[in-house]
PDB file of N, CA and C in Angstrom:
ATOM      1  N   UNK A   1       0.818  -1.135  -0.027  1.00  0.00           N
ATOM      2  CA  UNK A   1      -0.057  -0.050  -0.097  1.00  0.00           C
ATOM      3  C   UNK A   1       0.863   1.287  -0.020  1.00  0.00           C
ATOM      4  N   UNK A   2       0.619   2.138  -0.749  1.00  0.00           N
ATOM      5  CA  UNK A   2       1.287   3.476  -1.028  1.00  0.00           C
ATOM      6  C   UNK A   2       0.634   4.425  -0.146  1.00  0.00           C
ATOM      7  N   UNK A   3       1.558   5.108   0.667  1.00  0.00           N
ATOM      8  CA  UNK A   3       1.111   6.293   1.569  1.00  0.00           C
ATOM      9  C   UNK A   3       1.160   7.476   0.743  1.00  0.00           C
ATOM     10  N   UNK A   4       0.121   8.180   0.421  1.00  0.00           N
ATOM     11  CA  UNK A   4       0.264   9.456  -0.422  1.00  0.00           C
ATOM     12  C   UNK A   4      -0.419  10.642   0.331  1.00  0.00           C
ATOM     13  N   UNK A   5      -0.345  11.820  -0.110  1.00  0.00           N
ATOM     14  CA  UNK A   5      -0.992  12.966   0.459  1.00  0.00           C
ATOM     15  C   UNK A   5      -2.478  12.897   0.653  1.00  0.00           C
ATOM     16  N   UNK A   6      -3.165  12.255  -0.431  1.00  0.00           N
ATOM     17  CA  UNK A   6      -4.586  11.922  -0.398  1.00  0.00           C
ATOM     18  C   UNK A   6      -5.095  11.264   0.896  1.00  0.00           C
ATOM     19  N   UNK A   7      -4.206  10.007   1.142  1.00  0.00           N
ATOM     20  CA  UNK A   7      -4.564   9.252   2.251  1.00  0.00           C
ATOM     21  C   UNK A   7      -4.451   9.988   3.458  1.00  0.00           C
ATOM     22  N   UNK A   8      -3.247  10.774   3.636  1.00  0.00           N
ATOM     23  CA  UNK A   8      -2.914  11.457   4.920  1.00  0.00           C
ATOM     24  C   UNK A   8      -4.103  12.500   5.124  1.00  0.00           C
ATOM     25  N   UNK A   9      -4.492  13.086   4.006  1.00  0.00           N
ATOM     26  CA  UNK A   9      -5.652  14.091   4.151  1.00  0.00           C
ATOM     27  C   UNK A   9      -6.871  13.524   4.793  1.00  0.00           C
ATOM     28  N   UNK A  10      -7.294  12.414   4.179  1.00  0.00           N
ATOM     29  CA  UNK A  10      -8.383  11.591   4.529  1.00  0.00           C
ATOM     30  C   UNK A  10      -8.316  11.211   5.923  1.00  0.00           C
ATOM     31  N   UNK A  11      -7.209  10.585   6.472  1.00  0.00           N
ATOM     32  CA  UNK A  11      -6.965  10.255   7.772  1.00  0.00           C
ATOM     33  C   UNK A  11      -6.991  11.537   8.790  1.00  0.00           C
ATOM     34  N   UNK A  12      -6.447  12.578   8.271  1.00  0.00           N
ATOM     35  CA  UNK A  12      -6.471  13.884   9.084  1.00  0.00           C
ATOM     36  C   UNK A  12      -7.945  14.404   9.237  1.00  0.00           C
ATOM     37  N   UNK A  13      -8.627  14.157   8.177  1.00  0.00           N
ATOM     38  CA  UNK A  13     -10.164  14.753   8.182  1.00  0.00           C
ATOM     39  C   UNK A  13     -10.936  13.755   9.162  1.00  0.00           C
ATOM     40  N   UNK A  14     -10.611  12.397   9.053  1.00  0.00           N
ATOM     41  CA  UNK A  14     -11.403  11.494   9.908  1.00  0.00           C
ATOM     42  C   UNK A  14     -11.095  11.658  11.421  1.00  0.00           C
ATOM     43  N   UNK A  15      -9.848  11.989  11.664  1.00  0.00           N
ATOM     44  CA  UNK A  15      -9.372  12.328  13.002  1.00  0.00           C
ATOM     45  C   UNK A  15      -9.375  13.643  13.505  1.00  0.00           C
ATOM     46  N   UNK A  16      -9.996  14.478  12.670  1.00  0.00           N
ATOM     47  CA  UNK A  16     -10.170  15.964  13.058  1.00  0.00           C
ATOM     48  C   UNK A  16      -8.757  16.634  13.496  1.00  0.00           C
ATOM     49  N   UNK A  17      -7.761  16.218  12.628  1.00  0.00           N
ATOM     50  CA  UNK A  17      -6.399  16.875  12.822  1.00  0.00           C
ATOM     51  C   UNK A  17      -5.916  17.667  11.601  1.00  0.00           C
ATOM     52  N   UNK A  18      -5.127  18.627  11.842  1.00  0.00           N
ATOM     53  CA  UNK A  18      -4.715  19.471  10.812  1.00  0.00           C
ATOM     54  C   UNK A  18      -3.160  19.428  10.783  1.00  0.00           C
ATOM     55  N   UNK A  19      -2.635  19.186   9.691  1.00  0.00           N
ATOM     56  CA  UNK A  19      -1.214  19.092   9.546  1.00  0.00           C
ATOM     57  C   UNK A  19      -0.565  20.067   8.505  1.00  0.00           C
ATOM     58  N   UNK A  20       0.598  20.479   8.869  1.00  0.00           N
ATOM     59  CA  UNK A  20       1.261  21.430   7.960  1.00  0.00           C
ATOM     60  C   UNK A  20       2.105  20.462   6.995  1.00  0.00           C
ATOM     61  N   UNK A  21       2.733  21.183   6.046  1.00  0.00           N
ATOM     62  CA  UNK A  21       3.399  20.343   4.926  1.00  0.00           C
ATOM     63  C   UNK A  21       4.463  19.407   5.489  1.00  0.00           C
ATOM     64  N   UNK A  22       5.229  20.019   6.527  1.00  0.00           N
ATOM     65  CA  UNK A  22       6.294  19.312   7.125  1.00  0.00           C
ATOM     66  C   UNK A  22       5.817  18.115   7.941  1.00  0.00           C
ATOM     67  N   UNK A  23       4.805  18.348   8.702  1.00  0.00           N
ATOM     68  CA  UNK A  23       4.242  17.273   9.415  1.00  0.00           C
ATOM     69  C   UNK A  23       3.643  16.266   8.589  1.00  0.00           C
ATOM     70  N   UNK A  24       3.051  16.658   7.538  1.00  0.00           N
ATOM     71  CA  UNK A  24       2.389  15.574   6.593  1.00  0.00           C
ATOM     72  C   UNK A  24       3.481  14.709   6.056  1.00  0.00           C
ATOM     73  N   UNK A  25       4.470  15.325   5.706  1.00  0.00           N
ATOM     74  CA  UNK A  25       5.636  14.473   5.027  1.00  0.00           C
ATOM     75  C   UNK A  25       6.285  13.510   6.190  1.00  0.00           C
ATOM     76  N   UNK A  26       6.291  13.924   7.506  1.00  0.00           N
ATOM     77  CA  UNK A  26       6.770  13.171   8.565  1.00  0.00           C
ATOM     78  C   UNK A  26       5.767  11.942   8.777  1.00  0.00           C
ATOM     79  N   UNK A  27       4.476  12.320   8.812  1.00  0.00           N
ATOM     80  CA  UNK A  27       3.497  11.291   8.920  1.00  0.00           C
ATOM     81  C   UNK A  27       3.467  10.280   7.915  1.00  0.00           C
ATOM     82  N   UNK A  28       3.670  10.683   6.653  1.00  0.00           N
ATOM     83  CA  UNK A  28       3.700   9.713   5.658  1.00  0.00           C
ATOM     84  C   UNK A  28       4.719   8.787   5.759  1.00  0.00           C
ATOM     85  N   UNK A  29       6.011   9.229   6.213  1.00  0.00           N
ATOM     86  CA  UNK A  29       7.218   8.503   6.401  1.00  0.00           C
ATOM     87  C   UNK A  29       6.773   7.300   7.667  1.00  0.00           C
ATOM     88  N   UNK A  30       6.227   7.926   8.686  1.00  0.00           N
ATOM     89  CA  UNK A  30       5.938   7.087   9.869  1.00  0.00           C
ATOM     90  C   UNK A  30       4.900   5.945   9.438  1.00  0.00           C
ATOM     91  N   UNK A  31       3.807   6.458   8.612  1.00  0.00           N
ATOM     92  CA  UNK A  31       2.818   5.383   8.182  1.00  0.00           C
ATOM     93  C   UNK A  31       3.477   4.371   7.344  1.00  0.00           C
ATOM     94  N   UNK A  32       4.329   4.772   6.421  1.00  0.00           N
ATOM     95  CA  UNK A  32       4.898   3.776   5.553  1.00  0.00           C
ATOM     96  C   UNK A  32       5.790   2.888   6.276  1.00  0.00           C
ATOM     97  N   UNK A  33       6.508   3.324   7.211  1.00  0.00           N
ATOM     98  CA  UNK A  33       7.379   2.400   8.180  1.00  0.00           C
ATOM     99  C   UNK A  33       6.488   1.216   8.911  1.00  0.00           C
ATOM    100  N   UNK A  34       5.377   1.830   9.467  1.00  0.00           N
ATOM    101  CA  UNK A  34       4.296   0.923  10.103  1.00  0.00           C
ATOM    102  C   UNK A  34       3.929  -0.101   9.035  1.00  0.00           C
ATOM    103  N   UNK A  35       3.389   0.249   7.996  1.00  0.00           N
ATOM    104  CA  UNK A  35       3.187  -0.696   6.969  1.00  0.00           C
ATOM    105  C   UNK A  35       4.182  -1.724   6.502  1.00  0.00           C
ATOM    106  N   UNK A  36       5.524  -1.186   6.450  1.00  0.00           N
ATOM    107  CA  UNK A  36       6.446  -1.877   6.079  1.00  0.00           C
ATOM    108  C   UNK A  36       6.714  -3.133   7.193  1.00  0.00           C
ATOM    109  N   UNK A  37       6.624  -2.707   8.401  1.00  0.00           N
ATOM    110  CA  UNK A  37       6.823  -3.665   9.556  1.00  0.00           C
ATOM    111  C   UNK A  37       5.792  -4.609   9.509  1.00  0.00           C
ATOM    112  N   UNK A  38       4.548  -4.281   9.401  1.00  0.00           N
ATOM    113  CA  UNK A  38       3.413  -5.239   9.286  1.00  0.00           C
ATOM    114  C   UNK A  38       3.608  -6.239   8.150  1.00  0.00           C
ATOM    115  N   UNK A  39       4.088  -5.653   6.991  1.00  0.00           N
ATOM    116  CA  UNK A  39       4.443  -6.469   5.904  1.00  0.00           C
ATOM    117  C   UNK A  39       5.543  -7.510   6.134  1.00  0.00           C
ATOM    118  N   UNK A  40       6.559  -7.122   6.910  1.00  0.00           N
ATOM    119  CA  UNK A  40       7.715  -7.969   7.434  1.00  0.00           C
ATOM    120  C   UNK A  40       7.172  -8.937   8.241  1.00  0.00           C
ATOM    121  N   UNK A  41       6.233  -8.661   9.123  1.00  0.00           N
ATOM    122  CA  UNK A  41       5.531  -9.649  10.080  1.00  0.00           C
ATOM    123  C   UNK A  41       4.757 -10.782   9.297  1.00  0.00           C
ATOM    124  N   UNK A  42       4.258 -10.394   8.090  1.00  0.00           N
ATOM    125  CA  UNK A  42       3.423 -11.460   7.288  1.00  0.00           C
ATOM    126  C   UNK A  42       4.599 -12.425   6.677  1.00  0.00           C
ATOM    127  N   UNK A  43       5.892 -12.210   6.632  1.00  0.00           N
ATOM    128  CA  UNK A  43       6.844 -13.052   6.134  1.00  0.00           C
ATOM    129  C   UNK A  43       7.106 -14.341   7.173  1.00  0.00           C
ATOM    130  N   UNK A  44       6.820 -14.097   8.384  1.00  0.00           N
ATOM    131  CA  UNK A  44       7.104 -14.957   9.510  1.00  0.00           C
ATOM    132  C   UNK A  44       6.301 -16.182   9.260  1.00  0.00           C
ATOM    133  N   UNK A  45       7.052 -17.509   9.295  1.00  0.00           N
ATOM    134  CA  UNK A  45       6.223 -18.686   9.207  1.00  0.00           C
ATOM    135  C   UNK A  45       5.556 -19.023  10.599  1.00  0.00           C
ATOM    136  N   UNK A  46       4.287 -19.107  10.536  1.00  0.00           N
ATOM    137  CA  UNK A  46       3.546 -19.547  11.861  1.00  0.00           C
ATOM    138  C   UNK A  46       2.935 -20.735  11.693  1.00  0.00           C
ATOM    139  N   UNK A  47       3.101 -21.666  10.708  1.00  0.00           N
ATOM    140  CA  UNK A  47       2.476 -22.850  10.419  1.00  0.00           C
ATOM    141  C   UNK A  47       2.638 -23.796  11.550  1.00  0.00           C
ATOM    142  N   UNK A  48       1.402 -24.212  12.161  1.00  0.00           N
ATOM    143  CA  UNK A  48       1.557 -25.152  13.254  1.00  0.00           C
ATOM    144  C   UNK A  48       1.666 -24.515  14.611  1.00  0.00           C
ATOM    145  N   UNK A  49       1.679 -23.211  14.688  1.00  0.00           N
ATOM    146  CA  UNK A  49       1.730 -22.605  16.109  1.00  0.00           C
ATOM    147  C   UNK A  49       0.266 -22.298  16.560  1.00  0.00           C
ATOM    148  N   UNK A  50       0.231 -22.640  17.852  1.00  0.00           N
ATOM    149  CA  UNK A  50      -1.158 -22.281  18.385  1.00  0.00           C
ATOM    150  C   UNK A  50      -1.163 -20.844  18.621  1.00  0.00           C
ATOM    151  N   UNK A  51      -2.332 -20.312  18.771  1.00  0.00           N
ATOM    152  CA  UNK A  51      -2.601 -18.880  19.206  1.00  0.00           C
ATOM    153  C   UNK A  51      -2.244 -18.682  20.682  1.00  0.00           C
ATOM    154  N   UNK A  52      -1.590 -17.613  21.007  1.00  0.00           N
ATOM    155  CA  UNK A  52      -1.223 -17.306  22.386  1.00  0.00           C
ATOM    156  C   UNK A  52      -2.376 -16.797  23.061  1.00  0.00           C
ATOM    157  N   UNK A  53      -2.818 -17.563  24.171  1.00  0.00           N
ATOM    158  CA  UNK A  53      -3.893 -17.067  25.020  1.00  0.00           C
ATOM    159  C   UNK A  53      -3.381 -16.289  26.200  1.00  0.00           C
ATOM    160  N   UNK A  54      -2.434 -16.812  26.865  1.00  0.00           N
ATOM    161  CA  UNK A  54      -1.809 -16.245  28.000  1.00  0.00           C
ATOM    162  C   UNK A  54      -0.380 -16.242  27.991  1.00  0.00           C
ATOM    163  N   UNK A  55       0.280 -15.161  28.505  1.00  0.00           N
ATOM    164  CA  UNK A  55       1.723 -14.899  28.615  1.00  0.00           C
ATOM    165  C   UNK A  55       2.412 -16.120  29.260  1.00  0.00           C
ATOM    166  N   UNK A  56       1.898 -16.616  30.377  1.00  0.00           N
ATOM    167  CA  UNK A  56       2.445 -17.797  31.060  1.00  0.00           C
ATOM    168  C   UNK A  56       1.436 -18.806  31.423  1.00  0.00           C
ATOM    169  N   UNK A  57       1.970 -19.939  31.964  1.00  0.00           N
ATOM    170  CA  UNK A  57       1.009 -21.167  32.183  1.00  0.00           C
ATOM    171  C   UNK A  57       0.532 -20.933  33.635  1.00  0.00           C
ATOM    172  N   UNK A  58       1.017 -20.080  34.395  1.00  0.00           N
ATOM    173  CA  UNK A  58       0.515 -20.012  35.818  1.00  0.00           C
ATOM    174  C   UNK A  58      -0.899 -19.404  35.908  1.00  0.00           C
ATOM    175  N   UNK A  59      -1.771 -19.693  36.897  1.00  0.00           N
ATOM    176  CA  UNK A  59      -2.964 -19.135  36.999  1.00  0.00           C
ATOM    177  C   UNK A  59      -2.793 -17.871  37.998  1.00  0.00           C
ATOM    178  N   UNK A  60      -3.576 -16.906  37.801  1.00  0.00           N
ATOM    179  CA  UNK A  60      -3.459 -15.737  38.535  1.00  0.00           C
ATOM    180  C   UNK A  60      -3.707 -15.902  40.211  1.00  0.00           C
ATOM    181  N   UNK A  61      -2.821 -15.437  40.966  1.00  0.00           N
ATOM    182  CA  UNK A  61      -2.978 -15.549  42.331  1.00  0.00           C
ATOM    183  C   UNK A  61      -3.757 -14.559  42.917  1.00  0.00           C
ATOM    184  N   UNK A  62      -4.937 -14.816  43.343  1.00  0.00           N
ATOM    185  CA  UNK A  62      -5.792 -13.715  43.927  1.00  0.00           C
ATOM    186  C   UNK A  62      -5.490 -13.566  45.508  1.00  0.00           C
ATOM    187  N   UNK A  63      -5.585 -12.260  45.780  1.00  0.00           N
ATOM    188  CA  UNK A  63      -5.190 -12.097  47.241  1.00  0.00           C
ATOM    189  C   UNK A  63      -6.439 -12.434  48.036  1.00  0.00           C
ATOM    190  N   UNK A  64      -6.335 -12.758  49.319  1.00  0.00           N
ATOM    191  CA  UNK A  64      -7.421 -12.977  50.154  1.00  0.00           C
ATOM    192  C   UNK A  64      -7.899 -11.662  50.628  1.00  0.00           C
ATOM    193  N   UNK A  65      -9.332 -11.463  50.689  1.00  0.00           N
ATOM    194  CA  UNK A  65      -9.871 -10.246  51.200  1.00  0.00           C
ATOM    195  C   UNK A  65      -9.647 -10.305  52.807  1.00  0.00           C
ATOM    196  N   UNK A  66      -9.184  -9.257  53.276  1.00  0.00           N
ATOM    197  CA  UNK A  66      -8.987  -9.148  54.748  1.00  0.00           C
ATOM    198  C   UNK A  66      -9.436  -7.868  55.244  1.00  0.00           C
ATOM    199  N   UNK A  67     -10.174  -7.855  56.325  1.00  0.00           N
ATOM    200  CA  UNK A  67     -10.670  -6.624  56.927  1.00  0.00           C
ATOM    201  C   UNK A  67      -9.579  -5.900  57.595  1.00  0.00           C
ATOM    202  N   UNK A  68      -9.324  -4.693  57.212  1.00  0.00           N
ATOM    203  CA  UNK A  68      -8.066  -3.949  57.871  1.00  0.00           C
ATOM    204  C   UNK A  68      -8.709  -2.657  58.569  1.00  0.00           C
ATOM    205  N   UNK A  69      -7.820  -2.184  59.287  1.00  0.00           N
ATOM    206  CA  UNK A  69      -8.134  -0.929  60.107  1.00  0.00           C
ATOM    207  C   UNK A  69      -8.637   0.224  59.161  1.00  0.00           C
ATOM    208  N   UNK A  70      -9.641   0.859  59.312  1.00  0.00           N
ATOM    209  CA  UNK A  70     -10.182   2.012  58.438  1.00  0.00           C
ATOM    210  C   UNK A  70     -10.052   3.311  59.038  1.00  0.00           C
ATOM    211  N   UNK A  71     -10.123   4.382  58.345  1.00  0.00           N
ATOM    212  CA  UNK A  71     -10.316   5.784  58.815  1.00  0.00           C
ATOM    213  C   UNK A  71     -11.584   5.989  59.568  1.00  0.00           C
ATOM    214  N   UNK A  72     -11.567   6.746  60.468  1.00  0.00           N
ATOM    215  CA  UNK A  72     -12.874   7.148  61.022  1.00  0.00           C
ATOM    216  C   UNK A  72     -13.463   8.369  60.055  1.00  0.00           C
ATOM    217  N   UNK A  73     -14.600   8.750  60.183  1.00  0.00           N
ATOM    218  CA  UNK A  73     -15.236   9.953  59.472  1.00  0.00           C
ATOM    219  C   UNK A  73     -14.454  11.065  59.845  1.00  0.00           C
ATOM    220  N   UNK A  74     -14.167  11.201  60.983  1.00  0.00           N
ATOM    221  CA  UNK A  74     -13.326  12.450  61.386  1.00  0.00           C
ATOM    222  C   UNK A  74     -12.015  12.546  60.893  1.00  0.00           C
ATOM    223  N   UNK A  75     -11.404  11.397  60.893  1.00  0.00           N
ATOM    224  CA  UNK A  75      -9.990  11.303  60.376  1.00  0.00           C
ATOM    225  C   UNK A  75     -10.057  11.552  58.858  1.00  0.00           C
ATOM    226  N   UNK A  76     -10.970  10.905  58.103  1.00  0.00           N
ATOM    227  CA  UNK A  76     -11.059  11.228  56.723  1.00  0.00           C
ATOM    228  C   UNK A  76     -11.228  12.551  56.285  1.00  0.00           C
ATOM    229  N   UNK A  77     -12.080  13.297  57.179  1.00  0.00           N
ATOM    230  CA  UNK A  77     -12.480  14.694  56.833  1.00  0.00           C
ATOM    231  C   UNK A  77     -11.410  15.704  57.345  1.00  0.00           C
ATOM    232  N   UNK A  78     -10.507  15.257  58.119  1.00  0.00           N
ATOM    233  CA  UNK A  78      -9.522  16.077  58.842  1.00  0.00           C
ATOM    234  C   UNK A  78      -8.917  17.115  57.848  1.00  0.00           C
ATOM    235  N   UNK A  79      -8.418  16.691  56.684  1.00  0.00           N
ATOM    236  CA  UNK A  79      -7.571  17.528  55.842  1.00  0.00           C
ATOM    237  C   UNK A  79      -8.483  17.882  54.615  1.00  0.00           C
ATOM    238  N   UNK A  80      -9.775  17.655  54.675  1.00  0.00           N
ATOM    239  CA  UNK A  80     -10.625  18.136  53.542  1.00  0.00           C
ATOM    240  C   UNK A  80     -10.607  19.711  53.373  1.00  0.00           C
ATOM    241  N   UNK A  81     -10.475  20.200  52.098  1.00  0.00           N
ATOM    242  CA  UNK A  81     -10.449  21.648  52.079  1.00  0.00           C
ATOM    243  C   UNK A  81     -11.879  22.223  52.360  1.00  0.00           C
ATOM    244  N   UNK A  82     -12.986  21.476  51.910  1.00  0.00           N
ATOM    245  CA  UNK A  82     -14.388  21.789  52.280  1.00  0.00           C
ATOM    246  C   UNK A  82     -15.045  20.568  52.728  1.00  0.00           C
ATOM    247  N   UNK A  83     -15.856  20.752  53.860  1.00  0.00           N
ATOM    248  CA  UNK A  83     -16.560  19.641  54.388  1.00  0.00           C
ATOM    249  C   UNK A  83     -17.804  20.246  55.076  1.00  0.00           C
ATOM    250  N   UNK A  84     -18.700  19.147  55.138  1.00  0.00           N
ATOM    251  CA  UNK A  84     -20.020  19.361  55.974  1.00  0.00           C
ATOM    252  C   UNK A  84     -19.706  18.476  57.191  1.00  0.00           C
ATOM    253  N   UNK A  85     -20.612  18.219  57.978  1.00  0.00           N
ATOM    254  CA  UNK A  85     -20.503  17.447  59.157  1.00  0.00           C
ATOM    255  C   UNK A  85     -19.994  16.147  58.903  1.00  0.00           C
ATOM    256  N   UNK A  86     -20.558  15.405  57.871  1.00  0.00           N
ATOM    257  CA  UNK A  86     -20.166  14.046  57.645  1.00  0.00           C
ATOM    258  C   UNK A  86     -19.777  13.853  56.115  1.00  0.00           C
ATOM    259  N   UNK A  87     -19.457  14.918  55.379  1.00  0.00           N
ATOM    260  CA  UNK A  87     -19.459  14.641  53.954  1.00  0.00           C
ATOM    261  C   UNK A  87     -18.165  15.785  53.349  1.00  0.00           C
ATOM    262  N   UNK A  88     -17.573  15.274  52.246  1.00  0.00           N
ATOM    263  CA  UNK A  88     -16.665  16.135  51.496  1.00  0.00           C
ATOM    264  C   UNK A  88     -17.568  17.046  50.548  1.00  0.00           C
ATOM    265  N   UNK A  89     -17.196  18.298  50.563  1.00  0.00           N
ATOM    266  CA  UNK A  89     -17.909  19.204  49.674  1.00  0.00           C
ATOM    267  C   UNK A  89     -17.124  19.451  48.479  1.00  0.00           C
ATOM    268  N   UNK A  90     -17.602  19.175  47.354  1.00  0.00           N
ATOM    269  CA  UNK A  90     -16.855  19.294  46.030  1.00  0.00           C
ATOM    270  C   UNK A  90     -17.625  20.406  45.103  1.00  0.00           C
ATOM    271  N   UNK A  91     -16.943  20.974  44.129  1.00  0.00           N
ATOM    272  CA  UNK A  91     -17.446  21.858  43.198  1.00  0.00           C
ATOM    273  C   UNK A  91     -18.547  21.135  42.200  1.00  0.00           C
ATOM    274  N   UNK A  92     -19.654  21.638  41.798  1.00  0.00           N
ATOM    275  CA  UNK A  92     -20.645  21.187  40.962  1.00  0.00           C
ATOM    276  C   UNK A  92     -20.060  20.719  39.719  1.00  0.00           C
ATOM    277  N   UNK A  93     -20.168  19.544  39.235  1.00  0.00           N
ATOM    278  CA  UNK A  93     -19.652  19.171  37.911  1.00  0.00           C
ATOM    279  C   UNK A  93     -20.673  18.797  36.754  1.00  0.00           C
ATOM    280  N   UNK A  94     -21.879  18.780  37.156  1.00  0.00           N
ATOM    281  CA  UNK A  94     -22.926  18.541  36.214  1.00  0.00           C
ATOM    282  C   UNK A  94     -23.651  19.791  35.928  1.00  0.00           C
ATOM    283  N   UNK A  95     -23.691  20.131  34.658  1.00  0.00           N
ATOM    284  CA  UNK A  95     -24.583  21.356  34.295  1.00  0.00           C
ATOM    285  C   UNK A  95     -25.962  20.906  33.851  1.00  0.00           C
ATOM    286  N   UNK A  96     -26.896  21.736  34.063  1.00  0.00           N
ATOM    287  CA  UNK A  96     -28.374  21.466  33.732  1.00  0.00           C
ATOM    288  C   UNK A  96     -28.574  22.062  32.375  1.00  0.00           C
TER     289      UNK A  96
END
């Protein structure tokens, strides 16, 4: 596949990006390098190889849930910049 200005423009439009001439040339080179690498991977003989499902044969070791000492409400609110009696006060983030 040949990377040309038309393809780069189409990709820029789809991704809502704008490129200058110098950037466009650099991106063309980068995209061509990526395609060359993928083409090189196509040359690798994978006949008879099973697909890799896991990186190792071991099962994941899950930790045991343990009850640990927790902060009290007072300790948790101690360094809060804004607080109510039992709650953190935060700026409104949802607009109507």
